[in-house]
N, C-alpha and C. Protein backbone atom coordinates (compact mmCIF):
# COMPACT_ATOMS: atom_id res chain seq x y z
N UNK A 1 35.71 30.36 9.74
CA UNK A 1 35.65 29.05 9.93
C UNK A 1 34.82 28.57 11.25
N UNK A 2 35.02 29.40 12.27
CA UNK A 2 34.15 29.12 13.46
C UNK A 2 32.77 29.50 13.33
N UNK A 3 32.53 30.52 12.53
CA UNK A 3 31.13 30.96 12.26
C UNK A 3 30.42 30.01 11.37
N UNK A 4 31.18 29.31 10.46
CA UNK A 4 30.54 28.30 9.70
C UNK A 4 30.21 27.01 10.40
N UNK A 5 30.95 26.76 11.47
CA UNK A 5 30.66 25.64 12.34
C UNK A 5 29.42 25.99 13.18
N UNK A 6 29.44 27.20 13.72
CA UNK A 6 28.23 27.46 14.46
C UNK A 6 27.08 27.47 13.76
N UNK A 7 27.14 27.94 12.35
CA UNK A 7 25.90 28.00 11.52
C UNK A 7 25.49 26.50 11.35
N UNK A 8 26.45 25.67 11.14
CA UNK A 8 26.10 24.19 10.76
C UNK A 8 25.40 23.52 12.08
N UNK A 9 25.99 23.84 13.27
CA UNK A 9 25.37 23.38 14.46
C UNK A 9 24.05 23.84 14.72
N UNK A 10 23.86 25.25 14.43
CA UNK A 10 22.48 25.82 14.69
C UNK A 10 21.48 25.19 13.63
N UNK A 11 21.85 24.99 12.45
CA UNK A 11 20.92 24.25 11.49
C UNK A 11 20.60 22.79 11.85
N UNK A 12 21.61 22.13 12.37
CA UNK A 12 21.47 20.79 12.85
C UNK A 12 20.47 20.83 14.06
N UNK A 13 20.61 21.74 15.05
CA UNK A 13 19.71 21.82 16.20
C UNK A 13 18.32 22.11 15.58
N UNK A 14 18.24 23.01 14.81
CA UNK A 14 16.97 23.62 14.22
C UNK A 14 16.30 22.32 13.51
N UNK A 15 17.00 21.47 12.82
CA UNK A 15 16.21 20.42 12.11
C UNK A 15 15.85 19.37 13.18
N UNK A 16 16.71 19.15 14.23
CA UNK A 16 16.31 18.17 15.33
C UNK A 16 15.03 18.58 16.07
N UNK A 17 15.01 19.91 16.36
CA UNK A 17 13.79 20.47 17.09
C UNK A 17 12.63 20.48 16.23
N UNK A 18 12.69 20.77 15.06
CA UNK A 18 11.52 20.76 14.14
C UNK A 18 10.98 19.36 13.94
N UNK A 19 11.69 18.32 13.82
CA UNK A 19 11.34 17.00 13.81
C UNK A 19 10.63 16.62 15.14
N UNK A 20 11.25 16.96 16.17
CA UNK A 20 10.54 16.71 17.56
C UNK A 20 9.35 17.20 17.71
N UNK A 21 9.21 18.51 17.37
CA UNK A 21 7.90 19.27 17.32
C UNK A 21 6.92 18.61 16.58
N UNK A 22 7.23 18.29 15.25
CA UNK A 22 6.26 17.69 14.46
C UNK A 22 5.77 16.51 14.94
N UNK A 23 6.60 15.63 15.51
CA UNK A 23 6.13 14.37 16.01
C UNK A 23 5.12 14.52 17.24
N UNK A 24 5.56 15.54 18.10
CA UNK A 24 4.70 15.86 19.31
C UNK A 24 3.24 16.27 18.81
N UNK A 25 3.29 17.12 17.80
CA UNK A 25 2.00 17.60 17.36
C UNK A 25 1.21 16.55 16.74
N UNK A 26 1.90 15.71 15.98
CA UNK A 26 1.07 14.56 15.46
C UNK A 26 0.47 13.52 16.47
N UNK A 27 1.40 13.32 17.54
CA UNK A 27 0.84 12.41 18.62
C UNK A 27 -0.36 13.04 19.41
N UNK A 28 -0.12 14.44 19.70
CA UNK A 28 -1.29 15.06 20.47
C UNK A 28 -2.53 15.15 19.64
N UNK A 29 -2.38 15.28 18.40
CA UNK A 29 -3.62 15.16 17.51
C UNK A 29 -4.30 13.88 17.58
N UNK A 30 -3.65 12.85 17.71
CA UNK A 30 -4.19 11.47 17.82
C UNK A 30 -4.90 11.32 19.12
N UNK A 31 -4.16 11.74 20.26
CA UNK A 31 -4.86 11.65 21.55
C UNK A 31 -5.97 12.65 21.66
N UNK A 32 -5.86 13.67 21.03
CA UNK A 32 -7.15 14.59 21.16
C UNK A 32 -8.32 13.92 20.37
N UNK A 33 -7.99 13.51 19.17
CA UNK A 33 -9.23 12.72 18.59
C UNK A 33 -9.82 11.66 19.27
N UNK A 34 -8.92 10.93 20.09
CA UNK A 34 -9.69 9.65 20.78
C UNK A 34 -10.34 10.11 22.10
N UNK A 35 -9.99 11.35 22.63
CA UNK A 35 -10.71 11.85 23.77
C UNK A 35 -11.95 12.50 23.45
N UNK A 36 -12.11 13.08 22.37
CA UNK A 36 -13.37 13.84 22.09
C UNK A 36 -14.35 12.82 21.51
N UNK A 37 -15.70 13.26 21.61
CA UNK A 37 -16.70 12.41 21.18
C UNK A 37 -16.76 12.32 19.66
N UNK A 38 -16.97 11.18 19.07
CA UNK A 38 -16.95 10.96 17.72
C UNK A 38 -18.23 11.59 17.02
N UNK A 39 -18.07 11.83 15.76
CA UNK A 39 -19.27 12.34 15.02
C UNK A 39 -20.25 11.15 14.91
N UNK A 40 -21.62 11.36 14.98
CA UNK A 40 -22.62 10.38 14.92
C UNK A 40 -22.46 9.34 13.74
N UNK A 41 -22.03 9.90 12.55
CA UNK A 41 -21.83 9.14 11.47
C UNK A 41 -20.71 8.31 11.63
N UNK A 42 -19.56 8.82 12.10
CA UNK A 42 -18.34 7.94 12.42
C UNK A 42 -18.65 6.90 13.37
N UNK A 43 -19.41 7.30 14.37
CA UNK A 43 -19.76 6.21 15.30
C UNK A 43 -20.65 5.07 14.85
N UNK A 44 -21.68 5.47 14.07
CA UNK A 44 -22.42 4.46 13.36
C UNK A 44 -21.61 3.66 12.41
N UNK A 45 -20.74 4.08 11.75
CA UNK A 45 -19.81 3.36 10.79
C UNK A 45 -18.94 2.37 11.57
N UNK A 46 -18.37 2.91 12.57
CA UNK A 46 -17.53 1.98 13.53
C UNK A 46 -18.30 1.00 14.18
N UNK A 47 -19.50 1.22 14.62
CA UNK A 47 -20.27 0.26 15.13
C UNK A 47 -20.69 -0.81 14.31
N UNK A 48 -20.95 -0.46 13.04
CA UNK A 48 -21.29 -1.51 11.93
C UNK A 48 -20.03 -2.30 11.58
N UNK A 49 -18.86 -1.85 11.52
CA UNK A 49 -17.76 -2.58 11.22
C UNK A 49 -17.48 -3.59 12.38
N UNK A 50 -17.75 -3.13 13.68
CA UNK A 50 -17.47 -3.98 14.76
C UNK A 50 -18.39 -5.11 14.77
N UNK A 51 -19.76 -4.90 14.44
CA UNK A 51 -20.82 -5.79 14.35
C UNK A 51 -20.45 -6.76 13.26
N UNK A 52 -19.93 -6.50 12.17
CA UNK A 52 -19.66 -7.37 10.96
C UNK A 52 -18.55 -8.21 11.57
N UNK A 53 -17.61 -7.67 12.25
CA UNK A 53 -16.47 -8.26 12.67
C UNK A 53 -16.85 -9.51 13.51
N UNK A 54 -17.69 -9.27 14.45
CA UNK A 54 -18.20 -10.23 15.45
C UNK A 54 -18.86 -11.44 14.60
N UNK A 55 -19.88 -10.87 13.77
CA UNK A 55 -20.60 -11.83 12.93
C UNK A 55 -19.84 -12.70 12.09
N UNK A 56 -18.73 -12.02 11.39
CA UNK A 56 -17.86 -13.03 10.56
C UNK A 56 -17.03 -13.81 11.36
N UNK A 57 -16.55 -13.60 12.58
CA UNK A 57 -15.93 -14.44 13.39
C UNK A 57 -16.83 -15.80 13.93
N UNK A 58 -17.97 -15.39 14.16
CA UNK A 58 -19.03 -16.62 14.38
C UNK A 58 -19.34 -17.43 13.30
N UNK A 59 -19.42 -16.80 12.07
CA UNK A 59 -19.80 -17.57 10.95
C UNK A 59 -18.50 -18.26 10.28
N UNK A 60 -17.34 -17.76 10.67
CA UNK A 60 -16.17 -18.17 10.06
C UNK A 60 -15.91 -17.94 8.55
N UNK A 61 -16.48 -16.77 8.19
CA UNK A 61 -16.28 -16.29 6.85
C UNK A 61 -17.24 -15.14 6.52
N UNK A 62 -17.32 -14.83 5.29
CA UNK A 62 -18.34 -13.80 4.95
C UNK A 62 -19.70 -13.93 5.49
N UNK A 63 -20.21 -12.79 5.76
CA UNK A 63 -21.80 -12.79 6.47
C UNK A 63 -22.82 -12.49 5.35
N UNK A 64 -23.80 -13.07 5.60
CA UNK A 64 -25.07 -12.78 4.74
C UNK A 64 -24.73 -12.97 3.27
N UNK A 65 -24.07 -14.08 2.84
CA UNK A 65 -23.91 -14.36 1.42
C UNK A 65 -24.79 -15.51 1.06
N UNK A 66 -25.20 -15.60 -0.12
CA UNK A 66 -26.09 -16.54 -0.69
C UNK A 66 -25.31 -17.56 -1.32
N UNK A 67 -25.95 -18.64 -2.01
CA UNK A 67 -25.24 -19.65 -2.75
C UNK A 67 -24.55 -19.06 -3.95
N UNK A 68 -25.00 -17.98 -4.55
CA UNK A 68 -24.44 -17.37 -5.70
C UNK A 68 -22.97 -16.99 -5.35
N UNK A 69 -22.74 -16.51 -4.11
CA UNK A 69 -21.38 -16.09 -3.82
C UNK A 69 -20.50 -17.30 -3.76
N UNK A 70 -20.88 -18.35 -3.14
CA UNK A 70 -20.08 -19.50 -3.07
C UNK A 70 -19.72 -20.14 -4.36
N UNK A 71 -20.64 -20.04 -5.29
CA UNK A 71 -20.56 -20.63 -6.70
C UNK A 71 -19.49 -19.76 -7.44
N UNK A 72 -19.55 -18.32 -7.37
CA UNK A 72 -18.67 -17.54 -7.92
C UNK A 72 -17.26 -17.64 -7.27
N UNK A 73 -17.23 -17.82 -6.09
CA UNK A 73 -15.90 -18.08 -5.37
C UNK A 73 -15.33 -19.35 -5.90
N UNK A 74 -16.00 -20.52 -6.03
CA UNK A 74 -15.25 -21.71 -6.42
C UNK A 74 -14.85 -21.64 -7.87
N UNK A 75 -15.76 -20.88 -8.76
CA UNK A 75 -15.34 -20.64 -10.02
C UNK A 75 -14.08 -19.88 -10.26
N UNK A 76 -14.05 -18.78 -9.43
CA UNK A 76 -12.86 -17.93 -9.56
C UNK A 76 -11.69 -18.68 -9.02
N UNK A 77 -11.79 -19.42 -8.07
CA UNK A 77 -10.57 -20.11 -7.50
C UNK A 77 -10.06 -21.17 -8.52
N UNK A 78 -11.11 -21.85 -9.18
CA UNK A 78 -10.72 -22.88 -10.24
C UNK A 78 -10.05 -22.18 -11.42
N UNK A 79 -10.53 -21.05 -11.85
CA UNK A 79 -9.88 -20.37 -12.92
C UNK A 79 -8.54 -19.94 -12.54
N UNK A 80 -8.33 -19.41 -11.32
CA UNK A 80 -6.94 -18.97 -10.81
C UNK A 80 -6.10 -20.39 -10.66
N UNK A 81 -6.68 -21.44 -10.27
CA UNK A 81 -5.79 -22.54 -10.24
C UNK A 81 -5.23 -22.91 -11.69
N UNK A 82 -6.23 -22.89 -12.64
CA UNK A 82 -5.70 -23.24 -14.00
C UNK A 82 -4.77 -22.23 -14.47
N UNK A 83 -4.85 -20.95 -14.16
CA UNK A 83 -3.86 -19.82 -14.67
C UNK A 83 -2.56 -20.01 -13.96
N UNK A 84 -2.59 -20.27 -12.70
CA UNK A 84 -1.32 -20.03 -11.85
C UNK A 84 -0.78 -21.31 -11.33
N UNK A 85 -1.38 -22.45 -11.48
CA UNK A 85 -0.86 -23.71 -11.06
C UNK A 85 -1.46 -24.05 -9.68
N UNK A 86 -0.98 -25.08 -9.12
CA UNK A 86 -1.50 -25.64 -7.92
C UNK A 86 -1.23 -24.86 -6.67
N UNK A 87 -1.84 -25.24 -5.60
CA UNK A 87 -1.57 -24.52 -4.38
C UNK A 87 -2.85 -23.98 -3.75
N UNK A 88 -2.80 -23.79 -2.56
CA UNK A 88 -3.91 -23.08 -1.87
C UNK A 88 -3.93 -21.55 -2.06
N UNK A 89 -4.92 -21.12 -2.95
CA UNK A 89 -5.06 -19.71 -3.21
C UNK A 89 -5.70 -18.93 -2.25
N UNK A 90 -6.31 -19.54 -1.23
CA UNK A 90 -6.93 -18.68 -0.27
C UNK A 90 -6.00 -18.12 0.97
N UNK A 91 -4.81 -18.59 0.96
CA UNK A 91 -3.79 -18.24 1.83
C UNK A 91 -2.53 -17.46 1.21
N UNK A 92 -2.02 -16.54 2.06
CA UNK A 92 -0.91 -15.80 1.56
C UNK A 92 0.36 -16.73 1.38
N UNK A 93 1.10 -16.55 0.21
CA UNK A 93 2.19 -17.47 0.02
C UNK A 93 3.48 -17.24 1.08
N UNK A 94 4.06 -18.30 1.36
CA UNK A 94 5.30 -18.18 2.24
C UNK A 94 6.51 -18.11 1.29
N UNK A 95 7.35 -17.17 1.57
CA UNK A 95 8.56 -17.06 0.77
C UNK A 95 9.80 -17.44 1.67
N UNK A 96 10.66 -18.15 1.08
CA UNK A 96 11.80 -18.64 1.69
C UNK A 96 13.09 -18.11 1.10
N UNK A 97 13.83 -17.25 1.52
CA UNK A 97 15.13 -16.66 0.87
C UNK A 97 16.22 -17.39 1.53
N UNK A 98 17.17 -18.05 0.80
CA UNK A 98 18.39 -18.65 1.26
C UNK A 98 19.53 -17.83 0.77
């Protein structure tokens, strides 16, 4: 009986320690990745994403789109309005649970 309780406690401690070690290894991997220099392709990709983000904030919407994009967008919104009813389809719906 006492042996079974000791084995249960040891398995509990083993699982707690293993979870703690896995979390620490995961966090240290993230910290290590942030401290080392990025791959040149990754750096270029991140720079382009940041550049597009600043351009889209300045433009207030999609960047470098022509009149065809706006036409397609209005047609798609009109089709969705007909299919799903009224409302603003460019915003996420608000749910109210009572």
